[in-house]
Amino acid sequence: MNLKYTELTVCGYSPINRIVRIGEETSGKECLFYEVEPDIPHPPVFRIPFQAGSREDAGSYTGVTNCDLLEIVADRLEYSPPGDISLKRIASAVEHIRSAIELLT
């Protein structure tokens, strides 16, 4: 397997983590792994494995689903202190995330 490491571009802000997509170089398939590396000296690397195929299928890969990740983000937004973001903007983001989950399920 010839893996390709692609650093993701983030939507217009200065990231505090480096996010890398790990996938087969010539594959048109979805990526199974992403790595998150904090921008600190000697950082730990967190690898997130994603689900591939149905859990009932023999040979499928068991991992996190897209909806799992969206649920986590929505929960963190709802229950974390707002910081510099207005509560109205947070509520709007959560509403959009919940809509995405409904569309994907």
N, C-alpha and C. Protein backbone atom coordinates (compact mmCIF):
# COMPACT_ATOMS: atom_id res chain seq x y z
N MET A 1 0.86 -1.17 0.00
CA MET A 1 0.00 0.00 0.00
C MET A 1 0.90 1.23 0.00
N ASN A 2 0.69 2.12 -0.96
CA ASN A 2 1.47 3.34 -1.07
C ASN A 2 0.66 4.49 -0.50
N LEU A 3 0.96 4.88 0.74
CA LEU A 3 0.18 5.91 1.42
C LEU A 3 0.66 7.30 1.04
N LYS A 4 -0.29 8.20 0.94
CA LYS A 4 0.00 9.59 0.64
C LYS A 4 -0.43 10.42 1.84
N TYR A 5 0.43 11.31 2.30
CA TYR A 5 0.12 12.19 3.42
C TYR A 5 -0.16 13.58 2.87
N THR A 6 -1.37 14.08 3.08
CA THR A 6 -1.76 15.38 2.56
C THR A 6 -2.19 16.27 3.71
N GLU A 7 -1.50 17.40 3.88
CA GLU A 7 -1.88 18.33 4.93
C GLU A 7 -3.13 19.07 4.47
N LEU A 8 -4.11 19.15 5.37
CA LEU A 8 -5.36 19.81 5.03
C LEU A 8 -5.25 21.31 5.22
N THR A 9 -5.95 22.03 4.36
CA THR A 9 -6.01 23.48 4.50
C THR A 9 -7.21 23.80 5.34
N VAL A 10 -7.06 24.71 6.23
CA VAL A 10 -8.13 25.06 7.14
C VAL A 10 -8.83 26.32 6.64
N CYS A 11 -10.09 26.43 6.93
CA CYS A 11 -10.95 27.51 6.43
C CYS A 11 -10.60 28.89 6.97
N GLY A 12 -9.54 29.48 6.51
CA GLY A 12 -9.25 30.88 6.76
C GLY A 12 -8.89 31.28 8.18
N TYR A 13 -8.40 30.39 9.01
CA TYR A 13 -7.93 30.81 10.32
C TYR A 13 -6.59 30.14 10.59
N SER A 14 -5.90 30.64 11.59
CA SER A 14 -4.59 30.10 11.93
C SER A 14 -4.76 28.88 12.84
N PRO A 15 -4.52 27.69 12.34
CA PRO A 15 -4.76 26.48 13.13
C PRO A 15 -3.73 26.30 14.24
N ILE A 16 -4.15 25.66 15.32
CA ILE A 16 -3.22 25.33 16.39
C ILE A 16 -2.76 23.88 16.27
N ASN A 17 -3.34 23.15 15.32
CA ASN A 17 -2.96 21.76 15.06
C ASN A 17 -2.69 21.58 13.57
N ARG A 18 -1.81 20.66 13.26
CA ARG A 18 -1.58 20.26 11.87
C ARG A 18 -2.46 19.04 11.64
N ILE A 19 -3.29 19.06 10.60
CA ILE A 19 -4.19 17.95 10.30
C ILE A 19 -3.74 17.33 8.98
N VAL A 20 -3.54 16.02 9.01
CA VAL A 20 -3.03 15.31 7.84
C VAL A 20 -3.98 14.18 7.45
N ARG A 21 -4.32 14.14 6.17
CA ARG A 21 -5.14 13.06 5.59
C ARG A 21 -4.18 11.97 5.14
N ILE A 22 -4.44 10.73 5.54
CA ILE A 22 -3.57 9.62 5.17
C ILE A 22 -4.37 8.67 4.29
N GLY A 23 -3.96 8.52 3.04
CA GLY A 23 -4.71 7.66 2.13
C GLY A 23 -3.83 7.07 1.06
N GLU A 24 -4.38 6.11 0.34
CA GLU A 24 -3.65 5.49 -0.76
C GLU A 24 -3.49 6.50 -1.88
N GLU A 25 -2.32 6.49 -2.48
CA GLU A 25 -1.98 7.50 -3.48
C GLU A 25 -2.91 7.49 -4.69
N THR A 26 -3.31 6.33 -5.16
CA THR A 26 -4.11 6.27 -6.38
C THR A 26 -5.56 5.89 -6.12
N SER A 27 -5.94 5.80 -4.87
CA SER A 27 -7.28 5.35 -4.54
C SER A 27 -8.31 6.46 -4.67
N GLY A 28 -9.47 6.12 -5.20
CA GLY A 28 -10.58 7.06 -5.23
C GLY A 28 -11.46 6.87 -4.01
N LYS A 29 -11.03 6.02 -3.08
CA LYS A 29 -11.82 5.69 -1.90
C LYS A 29 -11.70 6.78 -0.85
N GLU A 30 -12.66 6.75 0.08
CA GLU A 30 -12.60 7.68 1.19
C GLU A 30 -11.38 7.37 2.05
N CYS A 31 -10.91 8.37 2.73
CA CYS A 31 -9.73 8.22 3.57
C CYS A 31 -10.12 7.55 4.89
N LEU A 32 -9.32 6.58 5.34
CA LEU A 32 -9.61 5.87 6.58
C LEU A 32 -8.96 6.52 7.80
N PHE A 33 -7.89 7.27 7.61
CA PHE A 33 -7.17 7.83 8.76
C PHE A 33 -6.86 9.31 8.58
N TYR A 34 -6.94 10.02 9.67
CA TYR A 34 -6.48 11.40 9.74
C TYR A 34 -5.59 11.49 10.97
N GLU A 35 -4.54 12.28 10.89
CA GLU A 35 -3.70 12.52 12.06
C GLU A 35 -3.80 13.98 12.45
N VAL A 36 -3.83 14.21 13.76
CA VAL A 36 -3.86 15.56 14.30
C VAL A 36 -2.61 15.70 15.16
N GLU A 37 -1.81 16.70 14.82
CA GLU A 37 -0.55 16.92 15.51
C GLU A 37 -0.53 18.35 16.06
N PRO A 38 -0.55 18.50 17.40
CA PRO A 38 -0.51 19.84 17.99
C PRO A 38 0.78 20.58 17.62
N ASP A 39 0.67 21.90 17.48
CA ASP A 39 1.80 22.73 17.11
C ASP A 39 2.61 23.09 18.36
N ILE A 40 3.30 22.08 18.91
CA ILE A 40 4.16 22.25 20.09
C ILE A 40 5.40 21.40 19.87
N PRO A 41 6.48 21.68 20.61
CA PRO A 41 7.67 20.83 20.47
C PRO A 41 7.37 19.39 20.89
N HIS A 42 7.83 18.43 20.13
CA HIS A 42 7.67 17.00 20.39
C HIS A 42 6.21 16.63 20.67
N PRO A 43 5.34 16.93 19.73
CA PRO A 43 3.91 16.71 19.98
C PRO A 43 3.51 15.24 19.93
N PRO A 44 2.48 14.90 20.69
CA PRO A 44 1.87 13.59 20.48
C PRO A 44 1.08 13.65 19.17
N VAL A 45 0.91 12.54 18.52
CA VAL A 45 0.12 12.50 17.29
C VAL A 45 -1.12 11.65 17.57
N PHE A 46 -2.27 12.21 17.26
CA PHE A 46 -3.53 11.51 17.46
C PHE A 46 -4.03 11.02 16.11
N ARG A 47 -4.27 9.73 15.99
CA ARG A 47 -4.78 9.17 14.73
C ARG A 47 -6.24 8.81 14.92
N ILE A 48 -7.08 9.30 14.01
CA ILE A 48 -8.52 9.04 14.07
C ILE A 48 -8.86 8.03 12.98
N PRO A 49 -9.27 6.81 13.36
CA PRO A 49 -9.67 5.81 12.37
C PRO A 49 -11.15 5.97 12.02
N PHE A 50 -11.47 5.92 10.74
CA PHE A 50 -12.86 6.07 10.29
C PHE A 50 -13.45 4.74 9.84
N GLN A 51 -14.75 4.62 9.96
CA GLN A 51 -15.51 3.46 9.52
C GLN A 51 -15.40 3.33 8.00
N ALA A 52 -15.22 2.11 7.53
CA ALA A 52 -15.23 1.83 6.09
C ALA A 52 -16.13 0.63 5.86
N GLY A 53 -17.21 0.86 5.14
CA GLY A 53 -18.17 -0.20 4.90
C GLY A 53 -19.14 -0.35 6.06
N SER A 54 -20.09 -1.23 5.87
CA SER A 54 -21.10 -1.49 6.91
C SER A 54 -20.49 -2.38 7.98
N ARG A 55 -20.85 -2.16 9.23
CA ARG A 55 -20.31 -2.98 10.32
C ARG A 55 -20.71 -4.45 10.16
N GLU A 56 -21.78 -4.71 9.42
CA GLU A 56 -22.23 -6.08 9.21
C GLU A 56 -21.42 -6.79 8.12
N ASP A 57 -20.71 -6.03 7.28
CA ASP A 57 -19.95 -6.63 6.18
C ASP A 57 -18.64 -7.23 6.66
N ALA A 58 -18.36 -8.43 6.20
CA ALA A 58 -17.06 -9.05 6.50
C ALA A 58 -15.97 -8.20 5.84
N GLY A 59 -14.91 -7.97 6.54
CA GLY A 59 -13.80 -7.21 5.98
C GLY A 59 -13.94 -5.70 6.09
N SER A 60 -15.03 -5.22 6.69
CA SER A 60 -15.16 -3.78 6.85
C SER A 60 -14.23 -3.32 7.96
N TYR A 61 -13.91 -2.04 7.95
CA TYR A 61 -13.03 -1.47 8.97
C TYR A 61 -13.89 -0.71 9.97
N THR A 62 -13.77 -1.03 11.25
CA THR A 62 -14.57 -0.39 12.28
C THR A 62 -13.87 0.85 12.80
N GLY A 63 -14.58 1.96 12.79
CA GLY A 63 -14.01 3.22 13.27
C GLY A 63 -15.09 4.25 13.49
N VAL A 64 -14.69 5.48 13.57
CA VAL A 64 -15.58 6.62 13.80
C VAL A 64 -16.34 6.92 12.51
N THR A 65 -17.62 7.25 12.63
CA THR A 65 -18.38 7.66 11.44
C THR A 65 -18.38 9.19 11.34
N ASN A 66 -18.73 9.69 10.17
CA ASN A 66 -18.84 11.13 9.97
C ASN A 66 -19.85 11.73 10.95
N CYS A 67 -20.97 11.03 11.15
CA CYS A 67 -22.00 11.53 12.07
C CYS A 67 -21.50 11.54 13.51
N ASP A 68 -20.68 10.55 13.89
CA ASP A 68 -20.07 10.55 15.23
C ASP A 68 -19.29 11.84 15.45
N LEU A 69 -18.47 12.19 14.46
CA LEU A 69 -17.65 13.40 14.58
C LEU A 69 -18.51 14.65 14.66
N LEU A 70 -19.55 14.71 13.83
CA LEU A 70 -20.44 15.87 13.86
C LEU A 70 -21.14 15.99 15.22
N GLU A 71 -21.56 14.86 15.79
CA GLU A 71 -22.20 14.87 17.11
C GLU A 71 -21.23 15.41 18.17
N ILE A 72 -19.98 15.00 18.10
CA ILE A 72 -18.98 15.46 19.06
C ILE A 72 -18.78 16.97 18.93
N VAL A 73 -18.66 17.46 17.70
CA VAL A 73 -18.46 18.90 17.49
C VAL A 73 -19.67 19.69 17.99
N ALA A 74 -20.87 19.22 17.68
CA ALA A 74 -22.08 19.92 18.15
C ALA A 74 -22.12 19.96 19.67
N ASP A 75 -21.79 18.85 20.31
CA ASP A 75 -21.81 18.78 21.77
C ASP A 75 -20.77 19.73 22.37
N ARG A 76 -19.58 19.75 21.78
CA ARG A 76 -18.53 20.65 22.30
C ARG A 76 -18.94 22.11 22.15
N LEU A 77 -19.56 22.45 21.04
CA LEU A 77 -20.00 23.83 20.84
C LEU A 77 -21.10 24.21 21.84
N GLU A 78 -22.03 23.29 22.07
CA GLU A 78 -23.14 23.59 22.99
C GLU A 78 -22.69 23.74 24.43
N TYR A 79 -21.68 22.99 24.85
CA TYR A 79 -21.33 22.95 26.27
C TYR A 79 -19.98 23.56 26.61
N SER A 80 -19.31 24.19 25.65
CA SER A 80 -18.04 24.84 25.93
C SER A 80 -18.28 26.34 26.11
N PRO A 81 -17.44 27.01 26.89
CA PRO A 81 -17.56 28.47 27.00
C PRO A 81 -17.38 29.10 25.62
N PRO A 82 -18.15 30.14 25.31
CA PRO A 82 -18.14 30.72 23.95
C PRO A 82 -16.85 31.42 23.56
N GLY A 83 -16.08 31.93 24.51
CA GLY A 83 -14.86 32.64 24.13
C GLY A 83 -15.19 33.85 23.29
N ASP A 84 -14.53 33.99 22.13
CA ASP A 84 -14.71 35.16 21.28
C ASP A 84 -15.89 35.04 20.31
N ILE A 85 -16.57 33.92 20.32
CA ILE A 85 -17.67 33.70 19.37
C ILE A 85 -19.00 33.97 20.08
N SER A 86 -19.89 34.69 19.42
CA SER A 86 -21.19 35.03 20.04
C SER A 86 -22.05 33.78 20.20
N LEU A 87 -22.90 33.79 21.22
CA LEU A 87 -23.80 32.66 21.45
C LEU A 87 -24.73 32.44 20.26
N LYS A 88 -25.12 33.52 19.58
CA LYS A 88 -25.98 33.41 18.40
C LYS A 88 -25.26 32.64 17.27
N ARG A 89 -23.98 32.93 17.08
CA ARG A 89 -23.21 32.24 16.04
C ARG A 89 -23.01 30.77 16.40
N ILE A 90 -22.77 30.50 17.68
CA ILE A 90 -22.61 29.11 18.13
C ILE A 90 -23.91 28.35 17.91
N ALA A 91 -25.04 28.94 18.29
CA ALA A 91 -26.34 28.29 18.10
C ALA A 91 -26.59 28.01 16.61
N SER A 92 -26.23 28.95 15.76
CA SER A 92 -26.40 28.77 14.32
C SER A 92 -25.52 27.63 13.81
N ALA A 93 -24.27 27.58 14.27
CA ALA A 93 -23.36 26.50 13.85
C ALA A 93 -23.90 25.14 14.29
N VAL A 94 -24.39 25.05 15.54
CA VAL A 94 -24.94 23.79 16.04
C VAL A 94 -26.15 23.38 15.22
N GLU A 95 -27.00 24.34 14.89
CA GLU A 95 -28.19 24.04 14.06
C GLU A 95 -27.77 23.49 12.70
N HIS A 96 -26.76 24.07 12.08
CA HIS A 96 -26.28 23.58 10.78
C HIS A 96 -25.66 22.19 10.90
N ILE A 97 -24.94 21.95 11.98
CA ILE A 97 -24.35 20.63 12.19
C ILE A 97 -25.45 19.58 12.37
N ARG A 98 -26.46 19.90 13.17
CA ARG A 98 -27.59 18.98 13.37
C ARG A 98 -28.31 18.71 12.05
N SER A 99 -28.46 19.74 11.22
CA SER A 99 -29.07 19.55 9.89
C SER A 99 -28.22 18.61 9.03
N ALA A 100 -26.91 18.76 9.09
CA ALA A 100 -26.02 17.88 8.34
C ALA A 100 -26.18 16.43 8.81
N ILE A 101 -26.29 16.23 10.12
CA ILE A 101 -26.47 14.88 10.64
C ILE A 101 -27.77 14.27 10.12
N GLU A 102 -28.85 15.07 10.12
CA GLU A 102 -30.14 14.58 9.60
C GLU A 102 -30.03 14.21 8.14
N LEU A 103 -29.31 15.00 7.36
CA LEU A 103 -29.16 14.72 5.93
C LEU A 103 -28.34 13.45 5.68
N LEU A 104 -27.42 13.15 6.58
CA LEU A 104 -26.53 12.00 6.40
C LEU A 104 -27.08 10.69 6.97
N THR A 105 -28.17 10.78 7.72
CA THR A 105 -28.71 9.54 8.33
C THR A 105 -30.03 9.15 7.70
